[in-house]
C-alpha atoms as a PDB file:
ATOM      1  CA  MET A   1      88.869  96.474 136.673  1.00  0.00           C
ATOM      2  CA  THR A   2      87.231  93.509 134.981  1.00  0.00           C
ATOM      3  CA  PRO A   3      86.866  90.647 137.483  1.00  0.00           C
ATOM      4  CA  ASN A   4      89.337  87.805 136.949  1.00  0.00           C
ATOM      5  CA  ALA A   5      91.299  89.757 134.320  1.00  0.00           C
ATOM      6  CA  SER A   6      94.067  87.564 132.970  1.00  0.00           C
ATOM      7  CA  PHE A   7      97.595  88.874 132.445  1.00  0.00           C
ATOM      8  CA  GLN A   8      98.991  85.577 131.245  1.00  0.00           C
ATOM      9  CA  ASP A   9     100.919  85.772 127.962  1.00  0.00           C
ATOM     10  CA  LEU A  10     100.311  89.526 127.877  1.00  0.00           C
ATOM     11  CA  PHE A  11     103.292  90.160 125.601  1.00  0.00           C
ATOM     12  CA  SER A  12     103.255  86.871 123.687  1.00  0.00           C
ATOM     13  CA  ILE A  13     103.350  86.601 119.897  1.00  0.00           C
ATOM     14  CA  LYS A  14     104.115  82.883 119.922  1.00  0.00           C
ATOM     15  CA  GLY A  15     102.705  81.039 116.927  1.00  0.00           C
ATOM     16  CA  LYS A  16     101.903  84.169 114.919  1.00  0.00           C
ATOM     17  CA  VAL A  17     102.906  84.503 111.267  1.00  0.00           C
ATOM     18  CA  ALA A  18     104.797  87.697 110.394  1.00  0.00           C
ATOM     19  CA  LEU A  19     106.167  89.307 107.243  1.00  0.00           C
ATOM     20  CA  VAL A  20     108.989  91.831 107.699  1.00  0.00           C
ATOM     21  CA  THR A  21     110.003  93.722 104.567  1.00  0.00           C
ATOM     22  CA  GLY A  22     113.530  95.042 104.317  1.00  0.00           C
ATOM     23  CA  GLY A  23     114.349  92.197 106.675  1.00  0.00           C
ATOM     24  CA  SER A  24     117.809  91.258 105.446  1.00  0.00           C
ATOM     25  CA  ARG A  25     119.613  93.928 107.476  1.00  0.00           C
ATOM     26  CA  GLY A  26     119.204  96.917 109.760  1.00  0.00           C
ATOM     27  CA  ILE A  27     116.003  97.561 111.664  1.00  0.00           C
ATOM     28  CA  GLY A  28     114.109  94.929 109.685  1.00  0.00           C
ATOM     29  CA  GLU A  29     116.602  92.252 110.687  1.00  0.00           C
ATOM     30  CA  MET A  30     116.406  93.404 114.321  1.00  0.00           C
ATOM     31  CA  ILE A  31     112.629  93.095 114.362  1.00  0.00           C
ATOM     32  CA  ALA A  32     112.697  89.733 112.589  1.00  0.00           C
ATOM     33  CA  ALA A  33     115.212  88.432 115.127  1.00  0.00           C
ATOM     34  CA  GLY A  34     113.048  89.580 118.025  1.00  0.00           C
ATOM     35  CA  PHE A  35     109.941  87.983 116.542  1.00  0.00           C
ATOM     36  CA  LEU A  36     111.769  84.672 116.015  1.00  0.00           C
ATOM     37  CA  ALA A  37     113.070  84.722 119.571  1.00  0.00           C
ATOM     38  CA  GLN A  38     109.486  85.183 120.797  1.00  0.00           C
ATOM     39  CA  GLY A  39     108.198  82.178 118.863  1.00  0.00           C
ATOM     40  CA  ALA A  40     106.717  83.733 115.722  1.00  0.00           C
ATOM     41  CA  LYS A  41     107.114  82.295 112.228  1.00  0.00           C
ATOM     42  CA  VAL A  42     108.818  84.994 110.192  1.00  0.00           C
ATOM     43  CA  TYR A  43     109.052  85.733 106.493  1.00  0.00           C
ATOM     44  CA  ILE A  44     111.624  88.332 105.476  1.00  0.00           C
ATOM     45  CA  SER A  45     111.832  90.142 102.168  1.00  0.00           C
ATOM     46  CA  SER A  46     114.509  92.284 100.566  1.00  0.00           C
ATOM     47  CA  ARG A  47     115.561  93.199  97.052  1.00  0.00           C
ATOM     48  CA  LYS A  48     118.756  91.087  97.001  1.00  0.00           C
ATOM     49  CA  ALA A  49     117.913  87.376  97.043  1.00  0.00           C
ATOM     50  CA  ASP A  50     121.307  86.153  98.275  1.00  0.00           C
ATOM     51  CA  ALA A  51     121.389  88.573 101.193  1.00  0.00           C
ATOM     52  CA  CYS A  52     117.787  87.732 102.112  1.00  0.00           C
ATOM     53  CA  GLU A  53     118.454  83.997 102.199  1.00  0.00           C
ATOM     54  CA  ALA A  54     121.714  84.437 104.126  1.00  0.00           C
ATOM     55  CA  THR A  55     119.961  86.512 106.791  1.00  0.00           C
ATOM     56  CA  ALA A  56     117.140  83.975 107.113  1.00  0.00           C
ATOM     57  CA  GLN A  57     119.655  81.176 107.696  1.00  0.00           C
ATOM     58  CA  ARG A  58     121.684  83.248 110.145  1.00  0.00           C
ATOM     59  CA  LEU A  59     118.619  84.213 112.178  1.00  0.00           C
ATOM     60  CA  MET A  60     117.386  80.619 112.425  1.00  0.00           C
ATOM     61  CA  GLN A  61     120.813  79.493 113.616  1.00  0.00           C
ATOM     62  CA  ALA A  62     120.852  82.213 116.253  1.00  0.00           C
ATOM     63  CA  TYR A  63     117.251  82.147 117.479  1.00  0.00           C
ATOM     64  CA  GLY A  64     115.683  78.927 116.231  1.00  0.00           C
ATOM     65  CA  GLY A  65     112.201  78.851 114.780  1.00  0.00           C
ATOM     66  CA  GLU A  66     111.348  79.248 111.118  1.00  0.00           C
ATOM     67  CA  CYS A  67     112.504  82.169 108.981  1.00  0.00           C
ATOM     68  CA  ILE A  68     111.749  82.104 105.252  1.00  0.00           C
ATOM     69  CA  ALA A  69     113.270  84.404 102.628  1.00  0.00           C
ATOM     70  CA  LEU A  70     110.919  85.840  99.992  1.00  0.00           C
ATOM     71  CA  PRO A  71     113.007  88.373  98.023  1.00  0.00           C
ATOM     72  CA  ALA A  72     111.192  91.132  96.134  1.00  0.00           C
ATOM     73  CA  ASP A  73     111.711  94.651  94.803  1.00  0.00           C
ATOM     74  CA  LEU A  74     108.926  96.564  96.512  1.00  0.00           C
ATOM     75  CA  SER A  75     109.558  99.759  94.539  1.00  0.00           C
ATOM     76  CA  ARG A  76     107.858  98.054  91.581  1.00  0.00           C
ATOM     77  CA  MET A  77     104.278  96.818  91.383  1.00  0.00           C
ATOM     78  CA  GLU A  78     105.462  93.496  89.907  1.00  0.00           C
ATOM     79  CA  GLY A  79     107.550  92.955  93.031  1.00  0.00           C
ATOM     80  CA  VAL A  80     104.686  93.860  95.339  1.00  0.00           C
ATOM     81  CA  GLY A  81     102.248  91.555  93.591  1.00  0.00           C
ATOM     82  CA  GLY A  82     104.765  88.730  93.346  1.00  0.00           C
ATOM     83  CA  LEU A  83     105.558  88.863  97.062  1.00  0.00           C
ATOM     84  CA  ALA A  84     101.876  88.833  98.021  1.00  0.00           C
ATOM     85  CA  LYS A  85     101.216  85.900  95.675  1.00  0.00           C
ATOM     86  CA  ARG A  86     104.108  83.798  96.985  1.00  0.00           C
ATOM     87  CA  LEU A  87     103.090  84.463 100.573  1.00  0.00           C
ATOM     88  CA  ALA A  88      99.468  83.479  99.862  1.00  0.00           C
ATOM     89  CA  GLU A  89     100.708  80.215  98.347  1.00  0.00           C
ATOM     90  CA  ARG A  90     102.374  79.387 101.665  1.00  0.00           C
ATOM     91  CA  GLU A  91     100.024  80.827 104.293  1.00  0.00           C
ATOM     92  CA  SER A  92      96.267  81.080 104.795  1.00  0.00           C
ATOM     93  CA  GLN A  93      96.601  84.128 107.040  1.00  0.00           C
ATOM     94  CA  LEU A  94      99.056  86.855 108.055  1.00  0.00           C
ATOM     95  CA  ASP A  95      98.992  87.980 111.673  1.00  0.00           C
ATOM     96  CA  ILE A  96     101.678  90.665 111.431  1.00  0.00           C
ATOM     97  CA  LEU A  97     102.900  92.844 108.571  1.00  0.00           C
ATOM     98  CA  VAL A  98     105.918  95.073 109.199  1.00  0.00           C
ATOM     99  CA  ASN A  99     106.393  97.518 106.323  1.00  0.00           C
ATOM    100  CA  ASN A 100     110.054  98.321 106.877  1.00  0.00           C
ATOM    101  CA  ALA A 101     111.606  98.308 103.386  1.00  0.00           C
ATOM    102  CA  GLY A 102     112.918 101.770 102.623  1.00  0.00           C
ATOM    103  CA  VAL A 103     115.557 103.771 100.816  1.00  0.00           C
ATOM    104  CA  ALA A 104     117.062 107.240 101.167  1.00  0.00           C
ATOM    105  CA  TRP A 105     118.648 109.770  98.818  1.00  0.00           C
ATOM    106  CA  GLY A 106     120.796 112.742  99.683  1.00  0.00           C
ATOM    107  CA  ALA A 107     121.739 115.695  97.488  1.00  0.00           C
ATOM    108  CA  PRO A 108     121.940 119.494  97.811  1.00  0.00           C
ATOM    109  CA  LEU A 109     118.626 121.258  97.260  1.00  0.00           C
ATOM    110  CA  GLU A 110     119.659 122.835  93.957  1.00  0.00           C
ATOM    111  CA  GLU A 111     120.920 119.506  92.601  1.00  0.00           C
ATOM    112  CA  PHE A 112     118.323 117.105  93.980  1.00  0.00           C
ATOM    113  CA  PRO A 113     117.307 114.824  91.061  1.00  0.00           C
ATOM    114  CA  GLU A 114     113.905 113.537  90.050  1.00  0.00           C
ATOM    115  CA  VAL A 115     115.161 109.965  90.321  1.00  0.00           C
ATOM    116  CA  GLY A 116     116.037 110.626  93.956  1.00  0.00           C
ATOM    117  CA  TRP A 117     112.484 111.740  94.591  1.00  0.00           C
ATOM    118  CA  ASP A 118     110.736 108.974  92.673  1.00  0.00           C
ATOM    119  CA  LYS A 119     112.825 106.070  93.964  1.00  0.00           C
ATOM    120  CA  VAL A 120     112.275 107.073  97.586  1.00  0.00           C
ATOM    121  CA  MET A 121     108.557 107.729  97.220  1.00  0.00           C
ATOM    122  CA  ASP A 122     107.978 104.539  95.225  1.00  0.00           C
ATOM    123  CA  THR A 123     109.616 102.353  97.862  1.00  0.00           C
ATOM    124  CA  ASN A 124     108.787 104.159 101.088  1.00  0.00           C
ATOM    125  CA  VAL A 125     105.179 105.174 100.408  1.00  0.00           C
ATOM    126  CA  LYS A 126     103.782 103.508  97.301  1.00  0.00           C
ATOM    127  CA  GLY A 127     105.267 100.127  98.226  1.00  0.00           C
ATOM    128  CA  VAL A 128     103.864 100.326 101.748  1.00  0.00           C
ATOM    129  CA  PHE A 129     100.346 101.099 100.553  1.00  0.00           C
ATOM    130  CA  PHE A 130     100.140  98.562  97.758  1.00  0.00           C
ATOM    131  CA  LEU A 131     101.734  95.677  99.658  1.00  0.00           C
ATOM    132  CA  THR A 132      99.228  96.245 102.448  1.00  0.00           C
ATOM    133  CA  GLN A 133      96.458  96.277  99.864  1.00  0.00           C
ATOM    134  CA  GLN A 134      97.720  93.068  98.255  1.00  0.00           C
ATOM    135  CA  VAL A 135      97.919  91.101 101.527  1.00  0.00           C
ATOM    136  CA  LEU A 136      94.584  92.347 102.892  1.00  0.00           C
ATOM    137  CA  PRO A 137      92.907  88.942 102.348  1.00  0.00           C
ATOM    138  CA  LEU A 138      95.544  87.305 104.551  1.00  0.00           C
ATOM    139  CA  LEU A 139      95.250  90.032 107.192  1.00  0.00           C
ATOM    140  CA  ARG A 140      91.465  89.712 107.181  1.00  0.00           C
ATOM    141  CA  ALA A 141      91.745  85.963 107.644  1.00  0.00           C
ATOM    142  CA  ALA A 142      93.957  86.496 110.686  1.00  0.00           C
ATOM    143  CA  ALA A 143      91.619  89.178 112.054  1.00  0.00           C
ATOM    144  CA  ALA A 144      88.778  86.654 112.034  1.00  0.00           C
ATOM    145  CA  GLY A 145      90.640  84.700 114.713  1.00  0.00           C
ATOM    146  CA  PRO A 146      90.996  85.415 118.439  1.00  0.00           C
ATOM    147  CA  SER A 147      93.540  88.240 118.031  1.00  0.00           C
ATOM    148  CA  PRO A 148      93.417  91.269 115.703  1.00  0.00           C
ATOM    149  CA  ALA A 149      95.862  91.408 112.809  1.00  0.00           C
ATOM    150  CA  ARG A 150      98.591  94.032 113.096  1.00  0.00           C
ATOM    151  CA  VAL A 151     100.370  96.293 110.629  1.00  0.00           C
ATOM    152  CA  ILE A 152     103.429  98.250 111.720  1.00  0.00           C
ATOM    153  CA  ASN A 153     104.752 100.866 109.307  1.00  0.00           C
ATOM    154  CA  ILE A 154     108.334 101.914 109.950  1.00  0.00           C
ATOM    155  CA  GLY A 155     108.605 105.668 109.595  1.00  0.00           C
ATOM    156  CA  SER A 156     111.375 107.864 110.987  1.00  0.00           C
ATOM    157  CA  ILE A 157     111.950 110.769 113.328  1.00  0.00           C
ATOM    158  CA  ASP A 158     112.947 112.566 110.106  1.00  0.00           C
ATOM    159  CA  GLY A 159     109.227 112.520 109.293  1.00  0.00           C
ATOM    160  CA  ILE A 160     108.509 114.317 112.595  1.00  0.00           C
ATOM    161  CA  LYS A 161     111.402 116.788 112.855  1.00  0.00           C
ATOM    162  CA  THR A 162     113.736 118.363 110.308  1.00  0.00           C
ATOM    163  CA  ALA A 163     116.795 116.231 109.569  1.00  0.00           C
ATOM    164  CA  ILE A 164     120.322 117.609 109.438  1.00  0.00           C
ATOM    165  CA  PHE A 165     120.896 115.819 106.108  1.00  0.00           C
ATOM    166  CA  ASP A 166     119.842 116.924 102.604  1.00  0.00           C
ATOM    167  CA  THR A 167     117.401 114.017 102.360  1.00  0.00           C
ATOM    168  CA  PHE A 168     114.369 115.944 101.181  1.00  0.00           C
ATOM    169  CA  SER A 169     112.378 113.077  99.715  1.00  0.00           C
ATOM    170  CA  TYR A 170     113.180 110.758 102.626  1.00  0.00           C
ATOM    171  CA  GLY A 171     111.759 113.060 105.302  1.00  0.00           C
ATOM    172  CA  ALA A 172     108.688 113.789 103.190  1.00  0.00           C
ATOM    173  CA  SER A 173     108.148 110.076 102.529  1.00  0.00           C
ATOM    174  CA  LYS A 174     108.293 109.194 106.209  1.00  0.00           C
ATOM    175  CA  ALA A 175     105.853 111.957 107.128  1.00  0.00           C
ATOM    176  CA  ALA A 176     103.565 110.453 104.483  1.00  0.00           C
ATOM    177  CA  VAL A 177     103.977 107.000 106.048  1.00  0.00           C
ATOM    178  CA  HIS A 178     102.949 108.369 109.437  1.00  0.00           C
ATOM    179  CA  HIS A 179      99.789 109.931 108.045  1.00  0.00           C
ATOM    180  CA  LEU A 180      99.028 106.908 105.865  1.00  0.00           C
ATOM    181  CA  THR A 181      99.124 104.848 109.054  1.00  0.00           C
ATOM    182  CA  ARG A 182      96.383 106.976 110.608  1.00  0.00           C
ATOM    183  CA  PHE A 183      94.409 106.905 107.371  1.00  0.00           C
ATOM    184  CA  MET A 184      94.548 103.102 107.171  1.00  0.00           C
ATOM    185  CA  ALA A 185      93.667 102.784 110.843  1.00  0.00           C
ATOM    186  CA  ALA A 186      90.556 104.881 110.257  1.00  0.00           C
ATOM    187  CA  HIS A 187      89.449 102.496 107.509  1.00  0.00           C
ATOM    188  CA  LEU A 188      90.394  99.094 108.918  1.00  0.00           C
ATOM    189  CA  THR A 189      90.290  99.164 112.722  1.00  0.00           C
ATOM    190  CA  LYS A 190      86.634  98.089 112.643  1.00  0.00           C
ATOM    191  CA  GLU A 191      87.785  95.005 110.728  1.00  0.00           C
ATOM    192  CA  ARG A 192      90.222  94.229 113.570  1.00  0.00           C
ATOM    193  CA  ILE A 193      93.299  95.123 111.520  1.00  0.00           C
ATOM    194  CA  LEU A 194      95.282  97.466 113.756  1.00  0.00           C
ATOM    195  CA  PHE A 195      97.780  99.953 112.308  1.00  0.00           C
ATOM    196  CA  ASN A 196     100.596 101.772 114.085  1.00  0.00           C
ATOM    197  CA  ALA A 197     103.856 103.380 113.000  1.00  0.00           C
ATOM    198  CA  ILE A 198     107.253 103.358 114.656  1.00  0.00           C
ATOM    199  CA  ALA A 199     109.541 106.332 114.048  1.00  0.00           C
ATOM    200  CA  PRO A 200     113.078 105.143 114.831  1.00  0.00           C
ATOM    201  CA  GLY A 201     115.908 107.439 115.728  1.00  0.00           C
ATOM    202  CA  PRO A 202     119.586 106.450 115.414  1.00  0.00           C
ATOM    203  CA  PHE A 203     120.217 102.715 115.199  1.00  0.00           C
ATOM    204  CA  PRO A 204     123.456 101.016 114.064  1.00  0.00           C
ATOM    205  CA  THR A 205     122.342 100.361 110.495  1.00  0.00           C
ATOM    206  CA  TRP A 206     123.894 100.513 107.038  1.00  0.00           C
ATOM    207  CA  MET A 207     121.658 103.459 106.104  1.00  0.00           C
ATOM    208  CA  LEU A 208     122.698 105.596 109.073  1.00  0.00           C
ATOM    209  CA  SER A 209     126.327 104.573 108.642  1.00  0.00           C
ATOM    210  CA  THR A 210     126.348 105.999 105.125  1.00  0.00           C
ATOM    211  CA  GLY A 211     124.648 109.175 106.317  1.00  0.00           C
ATOM    212  CA  VAL A 212     127.116 109.963 109.099  1.00  0.00           C
ATOM    213  CA  GLY A 213     130.227 109.189 107.075  1.00  0.00           C
ATOM    214  CA  PHE A 214     131.099 105.618 108.073  1.00  0.00           C
ATOM    215  CA  GLY A 215     130.720 104.357 104.504  1.00  0.00           C
ATOM    216  CA  GLY A 216     128.092 101.733 105.240  1.00  0.00           C
ATOM    217  CA  GLU A 217     130.203  99.932 107.858  1.00  0.00           C
ATOM    218  CA  THR A 218     128.203  98.868 110.894  1.00  0.00           C
ATOM    219  CA  ASP A 219     130.580  96.670 112.892  1.00  0.00           C
ATOM    220  CA  THR A 220     133.542  99.066 112.858  1.00  0.00           C
ATOM    221  CA  ALA A 221     131.626 102.366 112.936  1.00  0.00           C
ATOM    222  CA  ASP A 222     132.071 104.649 115.943  1.00  0.00           C
ATOM    223  CA  TRP A 223     128.495 104.422 117.195  1.00  0.00           C
ATOM    224  CA  SER A 224     129.474 105.817 120.583  1.00  0.00           C
ATOM    225  CA  SER A 225     130.180 109.190 118.946  1.00  0.00           C
ATOM    226  CA  VAL A 226     126.731 109.118 117.315  1.00  0.00           C
ATOM    227  CA  GLY A 227     125.103 108.098 120.576  1.00  0.00           C
ATOM    228  CA  ALA A 228     126.860 110.856 122.487  1.00  0.00           C
ATOM    229  CA  ARG A 229     124.609 113.386 120.732  1.00  0.00           C
ATOM    230  CA  ASN A 230     121.483 111.531 121.877  1.00  0.00           C
ATOM    231  CA  PRO A 231     119.750 112.572 125.131  1.00  0.00           C
ATOM    232  CA  SER A 232     119.985 108.908 126.194  1.00  0.00           C
ATOM    233  CA  GLY A 233     123.714 108.840 125.452  1.00  0.00           C
ATOM    234  CA  ARG A 234     123.588 105.924 123.023  1.00  0.00           C
ATOM    235  CA  VAL A 235     122.150 104.593 119.790  1.00  0.00           C
ATOM    236  CA  GLY A 236     119.305 102.103 119.749  1.00  0.00           C
ATOM    237  CA  THR A 237     119.694  98.352 120.146  1.00  0.00           C
ATOM    238  CA  PRO A 238     117.839  95.400 118.616  1.00  0.00           C
ATOM    239  CA  GLN A 239     116.040  94.928 121.918  1.00  0.00           C
ATOM    240  CA  ASP A 240     114.731  98.502 121.776  1.00  0.00           C
ATOM    241  CA  ILE A 241     113.087  98.258 118.362  1.00  0.00           C
ATOM    242  CA  ALA A 242     112.052  94.591 118.571  1.00  0.00           C
ATOM    243  CA  GLY A 243     110.608  95.165 122.032  1.00  0.00           C
ATOM    244  CA  LEU A 244     108.363  97.973 120.840  1.00  0.00           C
ATOM    245  CA  ALA A 245     107.274  96.001 117.771  1.00  0.00           C
ATOM    246  CA  THR A 246     106.534  92.940 119.903  1.00  0.00           C
ATOM    247  CA  PHE A 247     104.459  95.036 122.303  1.00  0.00           C
ATOM    248  CA  LEU A 248     102.385  96.472 119.468  1.00  0.00           C
ATOM    249  CA  CYS A 249     101.698  92.974 118.099  1.00  0.00           C
ATOM    250  CA  SER A 250     100.805  91.389 121.447  1.00  0.00           C
ATOM    251  CA  ARG A 251      97.720  91.507 123.639  1.00  0.00           C
ATOM    252  CA  ALA A 252      99.414  94.287 125.603  1.00  0.00           C
ATOM    253  CA  GLY A 253      99.314  96.611 122.577  1.00  0.00           C
ATOM    254  CA  GLU A 254      95.828  95.792 121.360  1.00  0.00           C
ATOM    255  CA  PHE A 255      94.288  99.154 122.368  1.00  0.00           C
ATOM    256  CA  VAL A 256      97.066 101.236 120.785  1.00  0.00           C
ATOM    257  CA  VAL A 257      95.811 102.145 117.322  1.00  0.00           C
ATOM    258  CA  GLY A 258      96.800 104.687 114.670  1.00  0.00           C
ATOM    259  CA  GLN A 259      99.784 106.014 116.588  1.00  0.00           C
ATOM    260  CA  THR A 260     103.268 107.059 115.495  1.00  0.00           C
ATOM    261  CA  ILE A 261     105.633 106.159 118.324  1.00  0.00           C
ATOM    262  CA  ALA A 262     109.157 107.585 118.333  1.00  0.00           C
ATOM    263  CA  CYS A 263     111.809 105.060 119.359  1.00  0.00           C
ATOM    264  CA  ASP A 264     114.705 107.484 119.546  1.00  0.00           C
ATOM    265  CA  GLY A 265     116.128 107.887 123.039  1.00  0.00           C
ATOM    266  CA  GLY A 266     114.489 111.286 123.494  1.00  0.00           C
ATOM    267  CA  ILE A 267     115.564 113.185 120.377  1.00  0.00           C
ATOM    268  CA  VAL A 268     112.083 114.308 119.330  1.00  0.00           C
ATOM    269  CA  ALA A 269     111.153 115.227 122.884  1.00  0.00           C
ATOM    270  CA  SER A 270     114.213 117.445 123.227  1.00  0.00           C
ATOM    271  CA  SER A 271     114.095 119.046 119.788  1.00  0.00           C
END
């Protein structure tokens, strides 16, 4: 071991600037909340401006710190470019980018529409790549400092294993996100921009609620019945996903690069 190795602030992200896309609800909101609680300055983006601003205000009231709403439609190049431009007008560097914005589409194989393919791929894959490209100057500026810049792409266990739902484009898009993460890591690790992906399992989100028949309700949904099918006996919590994201963005996670880490309570391991 290196003499006099320091373990102080091993998991700290205090003072870092983060952008979390799809941050107005679900997993994005969970990660944004965790980052705020740990002392980061957080920008959140989502397609609906009112919802984005409401979440930013709610998170600041709950966790303190500074949370700024920058709404954008990341399925369109105008939205991607506009978000990057507005962020660059406010910040000289970006320490953490969490590419979480995503959509799903379900339909039987014989009826699956082209729009259901294109919308999912445009948001989940194209948006991830081009937003990362557009904010590269800010990531490079952060990487020139004492700590590497970090990019976390939110994939899914549906990109690792076959889902039970007829969400053909969603699973394919998340598998693409996982491989894109490795591809970007191969190109940018030497510039001290570190890429990893998280593949969440079941979390109490609007998207999962619609998929399992709860109609988008999250507060009244029977999550215990969903969790009962998990090897861990429960669904994920905000602490689970925010904890992993915080680790990857801290000194503790600095040597973890190009990985896709399942955060799923053991579903992939047991499948």
